[in-house]
Amino acid sequence: MTSRWLTALPVFNEVRHVNSVLDEVHRYCREVLVVDDGSSDGTAGLLRAREDVHIVTHEENRGYGAALMSAFEFAQRNGYERLVTIDCDGQHEPQRIPLFFDACEEGIDIVSGSRYLEAFPGDTPPPAQRRRINEQVTAELNRRLGLSLTDAFCGFKCYRVEALKHLQITEPGYAMPLEVWVQASQAGLKVIELPVPLIYLDEKRSFGGVLDDAQTRLEYYHFTLDRSIAAVHAGSSFCAGAASQ
């Protein structure tokens, strides 16, 4: 596999999973970046002990979106051609990384994982309110942007790094993917989805703070979507509908 391909993991307090996940990721991609988003549980020490990963450290927790922004910047600054992002909580299968790289062929800008495009043996459904919110926000994205997504929030993605220049992400939190979709649509980026298993290892896993309340989280997503669409309207004529298959 070419060294111009990079896999990046945003990490926050993943001391239980980080080493085992990184060991597995390295089986499928030689170049690995970890963005440690202010971990305070011993994760940072485990990362310092490794010599096989690039590390970007946020001294304080900035948020999921901020960690991915750092990964985007690293990939562009260091001349990578493809960037896969994968979560570090065990809910994404590293053996699928080559499938994402392969799917991000010439003419494709973003390959986005979908947990709802295809059923896999052993799928573990998420809590009902999480699935409901995903469905509602995905449907709204499709309606307002002319997309045909089935999963708005899957963190397993592959980006053509050259296409990242079209994304000026500012949302530091969990709603960051919505800003990606708005800007990708505005730029006319070519998007496809790739089915991935539906794996929820810990139903009690928290978003943190007020976002653990489903209604508050939904309002936050709507606010981010409205703000992102307003921003591209203000910056240029908005062209809804990223090319998709």
Protein backbone atom coordinates (compact mmCIF):
# COMPACT_ATOMS: atom_id res chain seq x y z
CA MET A 1 0.00 0.00 0.00
CA THR A 2 1.35 3.41 -0.93
CA SER A 3 2.73 5.59 1.85
CA ARG A 4 0.70 8.45 0.39
CA TRP A 5 -2.35 6.89 2.01
CA LEU A 6 -3.07 7.82 5.62
CA THR A 7 -5.48 6.51 8.24
CA ALA A 8 -6.38 8.97 11.01
CA LEU A 9 -8.10 8.31 14.32
CA PRO A 10 -9.57 11.03 16.56
CA VAL A 11 -9.01 9.87 20.13
CA PHE A 12 -10.35 11.11 23.45
CA ASN A 13 -9.95 8.98 26.59
CA GLU A 14 -9.71 5.63 24.80
CA VAL A 15 -7.17 3.96 27.10
CA ARG A 16 -9.09 0.67 26.94
CA HIS A 17 -9.12 0.44 23.15
CA VAL A 18 -6.35 2.55 21.66
CA ASN A 19 -3.47 0.05 21.53
CA SER A 20 -5.53 -2.87 20.26
CA VAL A 21 -7.23 -0.70 17.63
CA LEU A 22 -3.93 0.80 16.47
CA ASP A 23 -2.33 -2.64 16.24
CA GLU A 24 -5.17 -3.75 13.99
CA VAL A 25 -5.16 -0.56 11.90
CA HIS A 26 -1.47 -1.05 11.18
CA ARG A 27 -2.24 -4.37 9.54
CA TYR A 28 -4.07 -2.50 6.78
CA CYS A 29 -2.34 0.88 6.51
CA ARG A 30 1.32 1.70 7.09
CA GLU A 31 0.84 5.42 7.76
CA VAL A 32 -1.31 6.13 10.83
CA LEU A 33 -2.14 9.41 12.55
CA VAL A 34 -3.68 9.75 16.00
CA VAL A 35 -5.21 13.07 17.01
CA ASP A 36 -5.25 13.00 20.81
CA ASP A 37 -7.99 15.45 21.70
CA GLY A 38 -6.95 16.28 25.25
CA SER A 39 -7.12 12.78 26.76
CA SER A 40 -6.66 12.62 30.53
CA ASP A 41 -7.09 8.88 31.22
CA GLY A 42 -3.64 7.55 30.30
CA THR A 43 -4.22 7.44 26.55
CA ALA A 44 -1.48 10.04 25.96
CA GLY A 45 1.10 7.90 27.75
CA LEU A 46 0.25 4.86 25.67
CA LEU A 47 0.60 6.90 22.49
CA ARG A 48 3.99 8.32 23.54
CA ALA A 49 5.26 4.78 24.00
CA ARG A 50 4.54 3.91 20.37
CA GLU A 51 6.96 4.63 17.54
CA ASP A 52 4.69 3.56 14.69
CA VAL A 53 2.16 6.43 14.66
CA HIS A 54 2.13 10.13 13.93
CA ILE A 55 0.61 12.08 16.82
CA VAL A 56 -1.09 15.46 16.89
CA THR A 57 -1.93 16.54 20.44
CA HIS A 58 -4.61 18.97 21.56
CA GLU A 59 -3.66 20.09 25.05
CA GLU A 60 -7.34 20.51 25.89
CA ASN A 61 -10.40 18.70 24.59
CA ARG A 62 -11.69 20.63 21.58
CA GLY A 63 -14.25 18.20 20.20
CA TYR A 64 -14.69 15.49 17.59
CA GLY A 65 -14.90 17.91 14.70
CA ALA A 66 -11.79 19.77 15.83
CA ALA A 67 -9.85 16.49 15.92
CA LEU A 68 -10.88 15.71 12.36
CA MET A 69 -9.93 19.23 11.28
CA SER A 70 -6.43 18.54 12.61
CA ALA A 71 -6.35 15.29 10.63
CA PHE A 72 -7.38 17.15 7.46
CA GLU A 73 -4.64 19.73 8.02
CA PHE A 74 -2.01 17.05 8.65
CA ALA A 75 -2.93 15.12 5.49
CA GLN A 76 -2.80 18.24 3.32
CA ARG A 77 0.40 19.60 4.85
CA ASN A 78 2.23 16.31 4.40
CA GLY A 79 1.18 15.58 0.85
CA TYR A 80 -1.02 12.51 1.30
CA GLU A 81 -3.34 11.51 -1.53
CA ARG A 82 -6.05 9.63 0.37
CA LEU A 83 -7.20 9.95 3.97
CA VAL A 84 -9.31 7.38 5.81
CA THR A 85 -10.87 8.41 9.12
CA ILE A 86 -11.89 5.74 11.58
CA ASP A 87 -13.08 5.90 15.19
CA CYS A 88 -11.09 4.35 18.01
CA ASP A 89 -13.89 2.86 20.09
CA GLY A 90 -14.00 -0.53 18.38
CA GLN A 91 -17.16 0.22 16.38
CA HIS A 92 -15.38 0.31 13.03
CA GLU A 93 -13.59 -2.69 11.56
CA PRO A 94 -10.01 -1.83 10.47
CA GLN A 95 -9.97 -4.69 7.97
CA ARG A 96 -12.34 -2.58 5.85
CA ILE A 97 -9.81 0.24 5.48
CA PRO A 98 -8.47 -1.10 2.12
CA LEU A 99 -12.04 -1.22 0.78
CA PHE A 100 -12.39 2.50 1.47
CA PHE A 101 -9.08 3.34 -0.18
CA ASP A 102 -9.99 1.22 -3.19
CA ALA A 103 -13.46 2.79 -3.48
CA CYS A 104 -11.94 6.29 -3.48
CA GLU A 105 -10.88 5.86 -7.08
CA GLU A 106 -10.37 8.53 -9.71
CA GLY A 107 -13.37 10.83 -9.82
CA ILE A 108 -14.56 10.03 -6.28
CA ASP A 109 -14.00 12.68 -3.61
CA ILE A 110 -15.60 11.17 -0.50
CA VAL A 111 -16.42 7.55 0.34
CA SER A 112 -18.69 7.53 3.37
CA GLY A 113 -19.52 4.48 5.43
CA SER A 114 -23.16 3.61 5.89
CA ARG A 115 -24.45 1.38 8.65
CA TYR A 116 -27.90 1.29 7.06
CA LEU A 117 -27.14 0.60 3.40
CA GLU A 118 -26.85 -3.15 3.87
CA ALA A 119 -27.48 -5.63 6.69
CA PHE A 120 -24.56 -7.70 8.00
CA PRO A 121 -24.68 -10.84 10.14
CA GLY A 122 -24.35 -9.90 13.79
CA ASP A 123 -25.42 -6.26 13.38
CA THR A 124 -26.18 -4.68 16.76
CA PRO A 125 -28.78 -1.92 16.48
CA PRO A 126 -28.17 1.38 18.25
CA PRO A 127 -30.49 2.79 20.92
CA ALA A 128 -33.79 3.70 19.28
CA GLN A 129 -33.42 7.46 19.78
CA ARG A 130 -29.99 7.48 18.10
CA ARG A 131 -31.34 5.68 15.05
CA ARG A 132 -34.37 7.95 14.94
CA ILE A 133 -32.27 11.13 15.07
CA ASN A 134 -29.90 9.81 12.39
CA GLU A 135 -32.82 8.97 10.11
CA GLN A 136 -34.46 12.36 10.67
CA VAL A 137 -31.30 14.40 10.06
CA THR A 138 -30.26 12.28 7.08
CA ALA A 139 -33.67 12.77 5.49
CA GLU A 140 -33.45 16.53 6.05
CA LEU A 141 -29.96 16.64 4.52
CA ASN A 142 -31.18 14.76 1.46
CA ARG A 143 -34.19 17.03 1.05
CA ARG A 144 -32.31 20.31 1.49
CA LEU A 145 -29.11 19.41 -0.36
CA GLY A 146 -30.37 17.05 -3.03
CA LEU A 147 -28.29 14.16 -1.69
CA SER A 148 -29.15 10.46 -1.43
CA LEU A 149 -27.36 9.51 1.78
CA THR A 150 -28.47 6.70 4.08
CA ASP A 151 -26.22 7.54 7.05
CA ALA A 152 -25.28 11.16 7.80
CA PHE A 153 -23.03 10.48 10.78
CA CYS A 154 -20.80 7.48 10.14
CA GLY A 155 -17.20 8.42 11.00
CA PHE A 156 -15.66 5.77 8.73
CA LYS A 157 -14.78 7.72 5.58
CA CYS A 158 -12.17 8.13 2.88
CA TYR A 159 -11.38 11.55 1.45
CA ARG A 160 -9.41 12.45 -1.64
CA VAL A 161 -7.02 14.88 0.04
CA GLU A 162 -7.03 17.27 -2.91
CA ALA A 163 -10.79 17.66 -2.40
CA LEU A 164 -10.30 18.81 1.20
CA LYS A 165 -9.30 22.24 -0.10
CA HIS A 166 -13.01 22.77 -0.81
CA LEU A 167 -13.90 22.23 2.87
CA GLN A 168 -13.48 25.07 5.36
CA ILE A 169 -14.73 23.33 8.47
CA THR A 170 -15.38 25.36 11.60
CA GLU A 171 -17.74 23.14 13.64
CA PRO A 172 -15.68 21.53 16.44
CA GLY A 173 -18.32 19.16 17.80
CA TYR A 174 -20.27 16.08 16.81
CA ALA A 175 -22.28 18.00 14.19
CA MET A 176 -19.16 18.54 12.09
CA PRO A 177 -20.27 15.94 9.45
CA LEU A 178 -23.26 18.14 8.63
CA GLU A 179 -20.95 21.01 7.72
CA VAL A 180 -18.94 18.59 5.58
CA TRP A 181 -22.06 17.55 3.67
CA VAL A 182 -23.19 21.13 3.09
CA GLN A 183 -19.81 22.24 1.81
CA ALA A 184 -19.31 19.08 -0.26
CA SER A 185 -22.67 19.68 -1.88
CA GLN A 186 -21.86 23.32 -2.56
CA ALA A 187 -18.54 22.31 -4.17
CA GLY A 188 -20.12 19.55 -6.26
CA LEU A 189 -17.91 16.86 -4.79
CA LYS A 190 -18.51 13.27 -5.91
CA VAL A 191 -19.79 11.19 -2.98
CA ILE A 192 -20.52 7.47 -2.67
CA GLU A 193 -21.46 5.33 0.31
CA LEU A 194 -19.90 2.02 1.31
CA PRO A 195 -21.80 -0.40 3.56
CA VAL A 196 -20.27 -1.20 6.94
CA PRO A 197 -21.54 -3.34 9.81
CA LEU A 198 -23.70 -1.79 12.50
CA ILE A 199 -21.69 -2.26 15.69
CA TYR A 200 -22.61 -0.72 19.03
CA LEU A 201 -20.39 -2.07 21.80
CA ASP A 202 -21.60 0.21 24.59
CA GLU A 203 -25.17 1.49 24.51
CA LYS A 204 -24.42 3.69 27.53
CA ARG A 205 -21.60 5.50 25.77
CA SER A 206 -22.13 9.22 26.29
CA PHE A 207 -21.99 12.20 23.97
CA GLY A 208 -21.16 14.25 27.04
CA GLY A 209 -22.96 17.11 28.78
CA VAL A 210 -26.20 18.48 27.40
CA LEU A 211 -25.91 16.44 24.18
CA ASP A 212 -26.91 13.31 26.08
CA ASP A 213 -30.43 14.73 25.90
CA ALA A 214 -31.87 13.60 22.56
CA GLN A 215 -33.95 16.73 21.94
CA THR A 216 -31.03 19.03 22.73
CA ARG A 217 -28.82 17.02 20.39
CA LEU A 218 -31.38 17.21 17.59
CA GLU A 219 -31.69 20.99 18.04
CA TYR A 220 -27.90 21.29 17.89
CA TYR A 221 -27.83 19.34 14.62
CA HIS A 222 -30.56 21.52 13.13
CA PHE A 223 -28.77 24.69 14.24
CA THR A 224 -25.50 23.52 12.66
CA LEU A 225 -27.22 22.55 9.42
CA ASP A 226 -29.04 25.89 9.18
CA ARG A 227 -25.86 27.82 9.99
CA SER A 228 -23.81 25.87 7.45
CA ILE A 229 -26.30 26.38 4.65
CA ALA A 230 -26.58 30.08 5.49
CA ALA A 231 -22.78 30.38 5.39
CA VAL A 232 -22.46 28.93 1.89
CA HIS A 233 -25.37 31.05 0.70
CA ALA A 234 -23.58 34.14 2.00
CA GLY A 235 -20.24 33.12 0.51
CA SER A 236 -21.39 32.16 -2.99
CA SER A 237 -24.36 31.01 -5.00
CA PHE A 238 -25.43 27.73 -3.43
CA CYS A 239 -25.61 24.73 -5.74
CA ALA A 240 -27.42 21.93 -3.92
CA GLY A 241 -26.60 18.35 -4.77
CA ALA A 242 -23.15 16.87 -4.56
CA ALA A 243 -22.79 14.28 -7.29
CA SER A 244 -23.60 10.88 -5.82
CA GLN A 245 -24.12 7.33 -6.90
